[in-house]
Amino acid sequence: MAGINARGMPRASLVTLAALLAIAGVCWWYLLDMAAGMSAGGSMMLREWTPVYFVMMSVMWSVMMVAMMVPSAAPMVLLYRQVARTNKLAREALGTGLFCAGYFVLWTLFSLVATTLQWLLEEWALLSPMMRSQSVALSGIILIGAGLYQFSSLKQACLKNCRGPLFFITRHWRPGPRGAFEMGIIHGAYCVGCCGALMALLFVGGIMDLLVIAALAVIVLLEKTVPGGEWLAKGVGLTAIVLGIVVIASA
């Protein structure tokens, strides 16, 4: 049939998936290029926090969040487009774009909060020139706090919505372009609630440490997509708690 590929996936879904992968790829390229620039010249290290620098750091955080979250959000975006297409929703491509836009709005807001926190931690001399915690107490608190959050009812509720695209669609479907944008915002809020605490671990491992960024991205993806992801989340939480205790005890 026209519009269906050999594996049975609608062509529109393939285009959407390719676009999402391209967005993630561009974001990862940006992070790699920035990390290489930092290693070469150190131009990003402990600069004065001017308004321009704040905006630059906010962009960095936003791009990093998109790079980390797009792969795990792809099943939700693809299901939205499929449901919109099946129900003959007008301008399904526009709706899909608006859904993604709403999703990215929430992570942009999160990035503004993270940038503000980075600024404060640098002002208090708690971050090193490599943008990672140089305080044993701070590292331990972040690790234990993030670990405990993995066991919280809020984490589990948000993870349930992130792990179940169909569950989310049936509960939060809204018609039309405006509804698509609102759904993206709601899904973004669930994702921030699910993964925001894990992102705090960047302050421990290094905000621009690519290995830490990649590891967290993999954890987020596995939590949301593999069978038993809820138990994986708790395992990650337990590991973080133990590491936090060890860090503080070894001081």
Protein backbone atom coordinates (compact mmCIF):
# COMPACT_ATOMS: atom_id res chain seq x y z
CA MET A 1 0.00 0.00 0.00
CA ALA A 2 1.10 3.55 -0.61
CA GLY A 3 2.38 5.24 2.45
CA ILE A 4 3.40 1.98 4.18
CA ASN A 5 6.97 0.75 4.27
CA ALA A 6 8.08 -2.85 3.97
CA ARG A 7 7.92 -3.39 7.72
CA GLY A 8 4.42 -2.02 8.02
CA MET A 9 5.23 1.36 9.56
CA PRO A 10 3.35 4.27 7.99
CA ARG A 11 5.56 6.57 5.96
CA ALA A 12 4.45 9.53 8.08
CA SER A 13 5.73 7.75 11.18
CA LEU A 14 9.05 7.05 9.49
CA VAL A 15 9.38 10.71 8.58
CA THR A 16 8.54 11.71 12.16
CA LEU A 17 11.04 9.25 13.59
CA ALA A 18 13.74 10.45 11.20
CA ALA A 19 13.04 14.06 12.20
CA LEU A 20 13.30 13.21 15.90
CA LEU A 21 16.57 11.34 15.36
CA ALA A 22 17.90 14.27 13.35
CA ILE A 23 17.02 16.70 16.15
CA ALA A 24 18.72 14.47 18.71
CA GLY A 25 21.74 14.08 16.44
CA VAL A 26 22.16 17.83 15.98
CA CYS A 27 21.90 18.34 19.74
CA TRP A 28 24.54 15.69 20.43
CA TRP A 29 26.80 17.27 17.81
CA TYR A 30 26.38 20.62 19.60
CA LEU A 31 27.33 19.04 22.93
CA LEU A 32 30.35 17.27 21.45
CA ASP A 33 31.53 20.48 19.83
CA MET A 34 31.08 22.46 23.04
CA ALA A 35 32.86 19.83 25.14
CA ALA A 36 35.77 19.80 22.66
CA GLY A 37 35.97 23.58 22.84
CA MET A 38 36.07 23.49 26.63
CA SER A 39 38.84 20.90 26.63
CA ALA A 40 40.88 22.87 24.12
CA GLY A 41 40.61 26.39 25.45
CA GLY A 42 38.64 26.36 28.66
CA SER A 43 36.64 29.35 27.44
CA MET A 44 33.49 28.12 29.17
CA MET A 45 35.02 27.72 32.62
CA LEU A 46 33.91 29.91 35.52
CA ARG A 47 33.16 33.02 33.52
CA GLU A 48 31.41 36.04 34.95
CA TRP A 49 27.65 35.56 35.02
CA THR A 50 26.46 38.30 32.70
CA PRO A 51 22.97 38.20 31.13
CA VAL A 52 24.52 36.99 27.87
CA TYR A 53 26.36 34.18 29.64
CA PHE A 54 23.16 33.17 31.46
CA VAL A 55 21.35 32.90 28.13
CA MET A 56 24.25 30.89 26.69
CA MET A 57 24.15 28.46 29.61
CA SER A 58 20.36 28.20 29.35
CA VAL A 59 20.72 27.26 25.69
CA MET A 60 23.34 24.67 26.61
CA TRP A 61 21.03 23.11 29.20
CA SER A 62 18.07 23.17 26.80
CA VAL A 63 20.03 21.49 24.03
CA MET A 64 21.35 18.92 26.49
CA MET A 65 17.84 18.10 27.71
CA VAL A 66 16.58 17.67 24.14
CA ALA A 67 19.52 15.39 23.31
CA MET A 68 18.84 13.26 26.37
CA MET A 69 15.04 13.16 26.27
CA VAL A 70 14.08 12.90 22.58
CA PRO A 71 14.90 9.16 22.24
CA SER A 72 12.71 8.24 25.21
CA ALA A 73 9.91 10.57 24.06
CA ALA A 74 9.84 9.18 20.51
CA PRO A 75 7.28 6.37 21.23
CA MET A 76 4.85 8.93 22.64
CA VAL A 77 5.28 11.29 19.68
CA LEU A 78 4.84 8.46 17.18
CA LEU A 79 1.70 7.22 18.91
CA TYR A 80 0.26 10.73 18.95
CA ARG A 81 0.77 11.02 15.19
CA GLN A 82 -0.70 7.56 14.58
CA VAL A 83 -3.83 8.32 16.62
CA ALA A 84 -4.20 11.72 14.94
CA ARG A 85 -3.84 10.10 11.52
CA THR A 86 -6.22 7.22 12.26
CA ASN A 87 -8.88 9.62 13.52
CA LYS A 88 -8.41 11.88 10.48
CA LEU A 89 -7.29 14.82 12.60
CA ALA A 90 -6.72 17.78 10.32
CA ARG A 91 -3.11 18.84 9.89
CA GLU A 92 -1.67 15.89 11.76
CA ALA A 93 1.89 17.03 10.97
CA LEU A 94 1.15 20.40 12.55
CA GLY A 95 -0.33 18.69 15.59
CA THR A 96 2.75 16.50 15.96
CA GLY A 97 5.01 19.54 15.74
CA LEU A 98 2.94 21.40 18.33
CA PHE A 99 2.99 18.37 20.62
CA CYS A 100 6.80 18.36 20.45
CA ALA A 101 6.88 22.12 20.95
CA GLY A 102 4.82 21.85 24.13
CA TYR A 103 7.08 19.06 25.35
CA PHE A 104 10.20 21.13 24.73
CA VAL A 105 8.67 24.16 26.50
CA LEU A 106 8.65 22.24 29.78
CA TRP A 107 12.26 21.15 29.41
CA THR A 108 13.22 24.71 28.51
CA LEU A 109 11.66 25.91 31.75
CA PHE A 110 13.53 23.16 33.58
CA SER A 111 16.74 24.35 31.89
CA LEU A 112 16.17 27.89 33.19
CA VAL A 113 15.86 26.52 36.72
CA ALA A 114 18.99 24.37 36.25
CA THR A 115 20.94 27.35 34.91
CA THR A 116 19.90 29.46 37.88
CA LEU A 117 21.01 26.69 40.23
CA GLN A 118 24.34 26.42 38.40
CA TRP A 119 24.86 30.16 38.77
CA LEU A 120 24.13 30.02 42.51
CA LEU A 121 26.41 27.04 43.08
CA GLU A 122 29.24 28.80 41.27
CA GLU A 123 28.64 31.95 43.31
CA TRP A 124 28.88 29.86 46.47
CA ALA A 125 32.11 28.23 45.18
CA LEU A 126 30.53 24.78 45.21
CA LEU A 127 31.28 23.98 41.56
CA SER A 128 34.75 23.40 40.13
CA PRO A 129 36.02 24.94 36.87
CA MET A 130 34.90 21.70 35.18
CA MET A 131 31.32 22.43 36.33
CA ARG A 132 31.04 19.60 38.82
CA SER A 133 30.56 19.63 42.56
CA GLN A 134 33.70 20.23 44.61
CA SER A 135 31.81 19.85 47.88
CA VAL A 136 31.59 16.40 49.43
CA ALA A 137 28.47 17.39 51.35
CA LEU A 138 26.74 18.74 48.24
CA SER A 139 27.61 15.63 46.21
CA GLY A 140 26.33 13.34 48.93
CA ILE A 141 23.11 15.30 49.39
CA ILE A 142 22.36 15.32 45.65
CA LEU A 143 23.04 11.60 45.32
CA ILE A 144 20.92 10.66 48.32
CA GLY A 145 18.15 13.09 47.39
CA ALA A 146 17.97 11.87 43.80
CA GLY A 147 18.05 8.27 45.02
CA LEU A 148 15.21 8.75 47.48
CA TYR A 149 13.12 10.48 44.83
CA GLN A 150 13.32 7.33 42.68
CA PHE A 151 11.18 5.58 45.33
CA SER A 152 8.64 8.39 45.69
CA SER A 153 5.00 8.11 44.64
CA LEU A 154 5.43 11.18 42.41
CA LYS A 155 8.28 9.51 40.51
CA GLN A 156 6.24 6.35 40.05
CA ALA A 157 3.14 8.24 38.89
CA CYS A 158 5.14 10.25 36.36
CA LEU A 159 7.02 7.17 35.18
CA LYS A 160 3.71 5.35 34.63
CA ASN A 161 2.60 8.05 32.21
CA CYS A 162 5.98 8.11 30.48
CA ARG A 163 6.11 4.32 30.15
CA GLY A 164 2.54 4.04 28.86
CA PRO A 165 1.97 6.20 25.77
CA LEU A 166 -1.47 4.62 25.21
CA PHE A 167 -2.35 5.17 28.87
CA PHE A 168 -1.36 8.82 28.51
CA ILE A 169 -3.30 9.25 25.24
CA THR A 170 -6.52 7.82 26.66
CA ARG A 171 -6.33 10.03 29.74
CA HIS A 172 -5.14 13.30 28.22
CA TRP A 173 -6.29 13.40 24.59
CA ARG A 174 -7.22 16.87 23.39
CA PRO A 175 -8.34 17.60 19.80
CA GLY A 176 -6.96 20.19 17.44
CA PRO A 177 -3.67 22.11 17.27
CA ARG A 178 -4.19 23.77 20.64
CA GLY A 179 -4.95 20.40 22.20
CA ALA A 180 -1.75 18.97 20.71
CA PHE A 181 0.30 21.74 22.29
CA GLU A 182 -1.44 21.25 25.64
CA MET A 183 -0.81 17.51 25.49
CA GLY A 184 2.86 18.18 24.83
CA ILE A 185 3.03 20.42 27.88
CA ILE A 186 1.31 17.80 30.05
CA HIS A 187 3.59 15.03 28.82
CA GLY A 188 6.60 17.29 29.31
CA ALA A 189 5.51 17.91 32.90
CA TYR A 190 5.31 14.17 33.52
CA CYS A 191 8.79 13.71 32.01
CA VAL A 192 10.28 16.49 34.14
CA GLY A 193 8.64 14.91 37.18
CA CYS A 194 10.04 11.55 36.17
CA CYS A 195 13.59 12.55 35.24
CA GLY A 196 14.31 15.98 36.71
CA ALA A 197 15.93 14.58 39.86
CA LEU A 198 18.22 12.38 37.77
CA MET A 199 19.37 15.47 35.88
CA ALA A 200 20.60 16.90 39.19
CA LEU A 201 23.28 14.19 39.11
CA LEU A 202 24.97 16.25 36.39
CA PHE A 203 26.12 18.60 39.14
CA VAL A 204 27.94 15.66 40.73
CA GLY A 205 29.40 14.00 37.64
CA GLY A 206 29.98 17.14 35.59
CA ILE A 207 27.49 19.28 33.69
CA MET A 208 29.43 18.88 30.45
CA ASP A 209 30.86 15.41 31.06
CA LEU A 210 29.70 13.53 27.97
CA LEU A 211 29.99 10.11 29.62
CA VAL A 212 27.73 11.22 32.47
CA ILE A 213 25.27 12.79 30.02
CA ALA A 214 25.18 9.63 27.90
CA ALA A 215 24.81 7.37 30.96
CA LEU A 216 21.85 9.38 32.25
CA ALA A 217 20.27 9.38 28.79
CA VAL A 218 20.53 5.58 28.65
CA ILE A 219 19.06 5.24 32.15
CA VAL A 220 16.13 7.47 31.20
CA LEU A 221 15.53 5.50 28.00
CA LEU A 222 15.64 2.13 29.76
CA GLU A 223 13.38 3.28 32.61
CA LYS A 224 10.73 4.33 30.11
CA THR A 225 10.92 1.55 27.54
CA VAL A 226 12.15 -1.81 28.85
CA PRO A 227 10.03 -4.30 30.80
CA GLY A 228 10.56 -3.80 34.52
CA GLY A 229 11.59 -0.18 34.10
CA GLU A 230 9.96 0.66 37.42
CA TRP A 231 12.31 -1.73 39.18
CA LEU A 232 15.26 -0.36 37.26
CA ALA A 233 14.34 3.10 38.55
CA LYS A 234 14.41 1.80 42.11
CA GLY A 235 17.71 0.04 41.49
CA VAL A 236 19.21 3.29 40.23
CA GLY A 237 17.79 5.03 43.30
CA LEU A 238 19.31 2.49 45.67
CA THR A 239 22.68 2.79 43.94
CA ALA A 240 22.59 6.59 44.20
CA ILE A 241 21.73 6.43 47.91
CA VAL A 242 24.58 4.02 48.64
CA LEU A 243 27.04 6.15 46.68
CA GLY A 244 25.87 9.26 48.51
CA ILE A 245 26.41 7.61 51.89
CA VAL A 246 29.85 6.38 50.83
CA VAL A 247 30.84 9.86 49.57
CA ILE A 248 29.82 11.54 52.80
CA ALA A 249 31.32 8.80 55.00
CA SER A 250 34.66 8.97 53.19
CA ALA A 251 35.07 12.71 53.78
